[in-house]
């Protein structure tokens, strides 16, 4: 099954990507969205070769008892049919499991949650419903909303986050996102991530203006701002 995993690279250590845990990251190739601000274009397009399965397995075996968790990111890890098998394998090895997902595969998320195969989910809330297709180039808001509801109704650790490039999303859009979260009873941290200049899937130019966080409506959950100048 290792050979079926579209893992193209790994980060051997991180203390920032899995809250309160030391971890490594396995990067999955392929994505069903085409967000212009994506700073992992080679992962989205599948430009990298897969890592040899023996390298992945050997690395994880060498980190048993040393790292607390494994982050499955990408790309979009939930597109892989081998994901449930990998999560079972990681849990059996003693690792906690976190997935980063765009929420487009609620069926797989529901199965992972139901089988207690994941410990933390970082869900990307790409855009409000009115701009969802424009930003993601995927016309499937219903699947994302189902994933969001599943996550809110679960008992795993969670984080909802939005990347903001002000040519794509403004303060009113973020207010629409947080209004949806509040209406659904979300109570955890909501992360607003600033766009990073550099090579992106859509070759975006630098933002024309800064995001003004002071214009955001207050909510009953905490805001966290990352990379916001």
Protein backbone atom coordinates (compact mmCIF):
# COMPACT_ATOMS: atom_id res chain seq x y z
CA UNK A 1 0.00 0.00 0.00
CA UNK A 2 2.92 2.37 0.54
CA UNK A 3 3.42 2.46 -3.23
CA UNK A 4 -0.13 3.75 -3.74
CA UNK A 5 0.51 6.89 -1.72
CA UNK A 6 1.10 10.00 -3.87
CA UNK A 7 3.65 11.36 -1.38
CA UNK A 8 6.29 13.41 -3.15
CA UNK A 9 8.27 14.94 -0.28
CA UNK A 10 8.55 15.05 3.48
CA UNK A 11 9.50 17.60 6.09
CA UNK A 12 11.38 15.73 8.84
CA UNK A 13 10.49 18.06 11.71
CA UNK A 14 8.01 20.81 12.54
CA UNK A 15 6.78 22.32 15.78
CA UNK A 16 4.41 24.76 14.05
CA UNK A 17 2.14 22.62 11.88
CA UNK A 18 0.60 20.33 14.53
CA UNK A 19 -0.52 22.40 17.54
CA UNK A 20 1.28 21.39 20.75
CA UNK A 21 3.02 18.43 19.11
CA UNK A 22 6.32 17.71 17.44
CA UNK A 23 5.69 16.26 14.00
CA UNK A 24 6.84 15.59 10.49
CA UNK A 25 4.92 16.37 7.29
CA UNK A 26 4.12 14.09 4.38
CA UNK A 27 3.27 16.10 1.27
CA UNK A 28 0.67 14.64 -1.09
CA UNK A 29 0.66 15.40 -4.80
CA UNK A 30 -2.48 16.43 -6.66
CA UNK A 31 -5.41 18.71 -5.89
CA UNK A 32 -8.92 19.19 -7.27
CA UNK A 33 -8.80 22.95 -6.76
CA UNK A 34 -6.82 25.62 -8.58
CA UNK A 35 -6.53 28.50 -6.12
CA UNK A 36 -4.45 31.26 -7.69
CA UNK A 37 -2.62 32.06 -4.43
CA UNK A 38 -1.47 28.45 -3.86
CA UNK A 39 2.25 28.47 -3.09
CA UNK A 40 2.60 24.71 -3.76
CA UNK A 41 1.94 24.70 -7.53
CA UNK A 42 4.24 21.75 -8.21
CA UNK A 43 2.29 19.65 -5.71
CA UNK A 44 -1.03 20.65 -7.27
CA UNK A 45 0.08 19.80 -10.80
CA UNK A 46 1.88 16.60 -9.81
CA UNK A 47 5.23 17.77 -11.14
CA UNK A 48 7.28 15.93 -8.49
CA UNK A 49 8.08 12.23 -8.53
CA UNK A 50 6.74 10.05 -5.75
CA UNK A 51 9.07 9.18 -2.92
CA UNK A 52 10.11 5.53 -2.83
CA UNK A 53 7.85 3.65 -0.43
CA UNK A 54 10.80 2.22 1.47
CA UNK A 55 12.07 5.74 2.18
CA UNK A 56 8.72 6.83 3.65
CA UNK A 57 8.32 3.70 5.75
CA UNK A 58 11.94 3.73 6.86
CA UNK A 59 11.79 7.37 7.91
CA UNK A 60 8.61 6.87 9.94
CA UNK A 61 10.02 3.78 11.64
CA UNK A 62 13.11 5.79 12.61
CA UNK A 63 10.94 8.47 14.25
CA UNK A 64 8.80 6.16 16.40
CA UNK A 65 8.98 7.38 19.98
CA UNK A 66 10.75 10.58 18.88
CA UNK A 67 8.00 12.49 17.09
CA UNK A 68 4.47 12.79 18.45
CA UNK A 69 2.57 13.26 15.23
CA UNK A 70 2.43 13.18 11.45
CA UNK A 71 0.85 15.91 9.33
CA UNK A 72 -0.69 14.87 6.00
CA UNK A 73 -0.73 17.88 3.71
CA UNK A 74 -0.40 18.77 0.06
CA UNK A 75 -1.92 19.10 -2.43
CA UNK A 76 -5.05 17.43 -1.11
CA UNK A 77 -4.48 14.27 0.90
CA UNK A 78 -8.15 13.21 1.00
CA UNK A 79 -8.07 12.47 -2.74
CA UNK A 80 -5.94 9.40 -2.09
CA UNK A 81 -7.81 6.11 -1.70
CA UNK A 82 -4.89 4.87 0.42
CA UNK A 83 -5.35 7.60 3.04
CA UNK A 84 -7.43 5.53 5.50
CA UNK A 85 -4.85 2.74 5.34
CA UNK A 86 -2.05 5.21 6.01
CA UNK A 87 -3.86 6.74 8.97
CA UNK A 88 -4.39 3.26 10.48
CA UNK A 89 -0.73 2.49 9.94
CA UNK A 90 0.39 5.74 11.58
CA UNK A 91 -1.90 5.22 14.56
CA UNK A 92 -0.58 1.67 14.98
CA UNK A 93 2.95 3.11 15.01
CA UNK A 94 1.97 5.38 17.88
CA UNK A 95 1.66 8.68 16.00
CA UNK A 96 -1.10 11.22 16.29
CA UNK A 97 -2.45 12.22 12.88
CA UNK A 98 -3.35 15.65 11.53
CA UNK A 99 -4.73 16.33 8.07
CA UNK A 100 -4.78 19.57 6.12
CA UNK A 101 -7.78 19.54 3.79
CA UNK A 102 -9.83 21.74 1.49
CA UNK A 103 -13.01 19.96 2.59
CA UNK A 104 -13.98 18.72 -0.86
CA UNK A 105 -14.23 15.06 0.18
CA UNK A 106 -16.71 14.91 3.07
CA UNK A 107 -17.22 11.17 2.52
CA UNK A 108 -13.57 10.47 3.29
CA UNK A 109 -13.52 12.93 6.19
CA UNK A 110 -16.61 11.29 7.68
CA UNK A 111 -15.00 7.85 7.44
CA UNK A 112 -11.76 9.03 9.05
CA UNK A 113 -13.66 10.68 11.89
CA UNK A 114 -15.96 7.70 12.37
CA UNK A 115 -13.04 5.28 12.64
CA UNK A 116 -11.06 7.56 15.02
CA UNK A 117 -8.17 7.72 12.57
CA UNK A 118 -7.37 11.43 12.90
CA UNK A 119 -6.66 13.67 15.88
CA UNK A 120 -6.63 17.13 14.32
CA UNK A 121 -8.07 18.72 11.18
CA UNK A 122 -7.03 22.01 9.61
CA UNK A 123 -9.83 22.96 7.21
CA UNK A 124 -9.27 25.60 4.55
CA UNK A 125 -12.34 27.83 4.19
CA UNK A 126 -11.30 29.18 0.81
CA UNK A 127 -14.04 31.73 0.25
CA UNK A 128 -17.65 32.53 1.10
CA UNK A 129 -20.33 30.76 -0.91
CA UNK A 130 -20.69 33.72 -3.29
CA UNK A 131 -17.01 33.53 -4.30
CA UNK A 132 -16.28 29.85 -3.74
CA UNK A 133 -16.19 28.83 -7.40
CA UNK A 134 -14.31 31.98 -8.41
CA UNK A 135 -11.50 31.33 -5.91
CA UNK A 136 -11.27 27.52 -6.05
CA UNK A 137 -12.36 26.82 -9.63
CA UNK A 138 -14.46 24.01 -8.15
CA UNK A 139 -18.24 24.24 -8.27
CA UNK A 140 -19.07 22.16 -5.19
CA UNK A 141 -19.92 24.35 -2.22
CA UNK A 142 -22.25 21.64 -0.87
CA UNK A 143 -19.37 19.22 -0.28
CA UNK A 144 -17.35 21.83 1.56
CA UNK A 145 -20.31 22.81 3.74
CA UNK A 146 -20.88 19.16 4.64
CA UNK A 147 -17.21 18.81 5.64
CA UNK A 148 -17.48 21.94 7.75
CA UNK A 149 -20.56 20.61 9.54
CA UNK A 150 -18.88 17.24 10.10
CA UNK A 151 -15.84 18.91 11.63
CA UNK A 152 -17.86 21.18 13.90
CA UNK A 153 -19.88 18.20 15.09
CA UNK A 154 -16.81 16.08 15.86
CA UNK A 155 -14.63 15.95 18.96
CA UNK A 156 -11.22 16.14 17.23
CA UNK A 157 -8.90 19.11 17.44
CA UNK A 158 -9.67 21.62 14.72
CA UNK A 159 -8.71 24.82 13.01
CA UNK A 160 -10.49 26.68 10.24
CA UNK A 161 -8.36 29.02 8.19
CA UNK A 162 -8.56 31.37 5.24
CA UNK A 163 -5.73 32.68 3.08
CA UNK A 164 -6.30 36.28 2.06
CA UNK A 165 -5.02 38.03 -1.04
CA UNK A 166 -6.92 41.31 -1.15
CA UNK A 167 -7.37 41.14 -4.92
CA UNK A 168 -9.46 38.00 -4.31
CA UNK A 169 -11.02 38.44 -0.86
CA UNK A 170 -11.77 41.58 1.14
CA UNK A 171 -12.94 42.26 4.68
CA UNK A 172 -16.61 41.78 3.73
CA UNK A 173 -15.79 38.31 2.40
CA UNK A 174 -14.07 37.32 5.63
CA UNK A 175 -17.06 38.66 7.56
CA UNK A 176 -19.28 36.40 5.44
CA UNK A 177 -17.06 33.44 6.29
CA UNK A 178 -17.10 34.14 10.01
CA UNK A 179 -20.84 34.71 9.93
CA UNK A 180 -21.25 31.22 8.47
CA UNK A 181 -18.98 29.77 11.14
CA UNK A 182 -20.90 31.49 13.92
CA UNK A 183 -24.26 30.39 12.54
CA UNK A 184 -23.04 26.77 12.54
CA UNK A 185 -21.84 26.97 16.13
CA UNK A 186 -18.11 27.00 15.51
CA UNK A 187 -16.19 27.83 18.71
CA UNK A 188 -12.52 27.22 17.96
CA UNK A 189 -9.83 29.48 16.55
CA UNK A 190 -10.30 31.00 13.12
CA UNK A 191 -7.04 31.74 11.34
CA UNK A 192 -6.60 34.50 8.78
CA UNK A 193 -3.41 33.86 6.82
CA UNK A 194 -1.67 36.52 4.81
CA UNK A 195 -0.66 35.82 1.23
CA UNK A 196 3.02 35.10 0.70
CA UNK A 197 4.68 36.72 -2.30
CA UNK A 198 6.43 34.25 -4.54
CA UNK A 199 5.70 31.64 -7.21
CA UNK A 200 2.03 30.65 -7.07
CA UNK A 201 -0.33 28.54 -9.13
CA UNK A 202 -2.00 31.63 -10.60
CA UNK A 203 1.16 33.78 -10.79
CA UNK A 204 -0.52 36.43 -8.65
CA UNK A 205 0.99 39.88 -8.42
CA UNK A 206 1.60 41.43 -5.00
CA UNK A 207 -1.50 42.75 -3.26
CA UNK A 208 -2.52 46.28 -4.11
CA UNK A 209 -3.55 47.04 -0.52
CA UNK A 210 -3.24 45.63 2.94
CA UNK A 211 -6.00 43.74 4.67
CA UNK A 212 -7.56 45.87 7.44
CA UNK A 213 -8.31 43.52 10.31
CA UNK A 214 -9.86 46.39 12.31
CA UNK A 215 -12.84 46.33 9.93
CA UNK A 216 -13.82 42.76 10.82
CA UNK A 217 -17.01 42.15 12.76
CA UNK A 218 -16.49 40.67 16.25
CA UNK A 219 -17.39 37.00 16.74
CA UNK A 220 -17.65 34.69 19.71
CA UNK A 221 -14.58 32.68 18.66
CA UNK A 222 -10.96 33.93 18.65
CA UNK A 223 -9.23 35.24 15.54
CA UNK A 224 -5.61 34.35 14.86
CA UNK A 225 -3.63 36.35 12.29
CA UNK A 226 -0.61 34.82 10.58
CA UNK A 227 1.81 36.50 8.21
CA UNK A 228 -0.31 39.67 8.27
CA UNK A 229 1.82 42.78 8.05
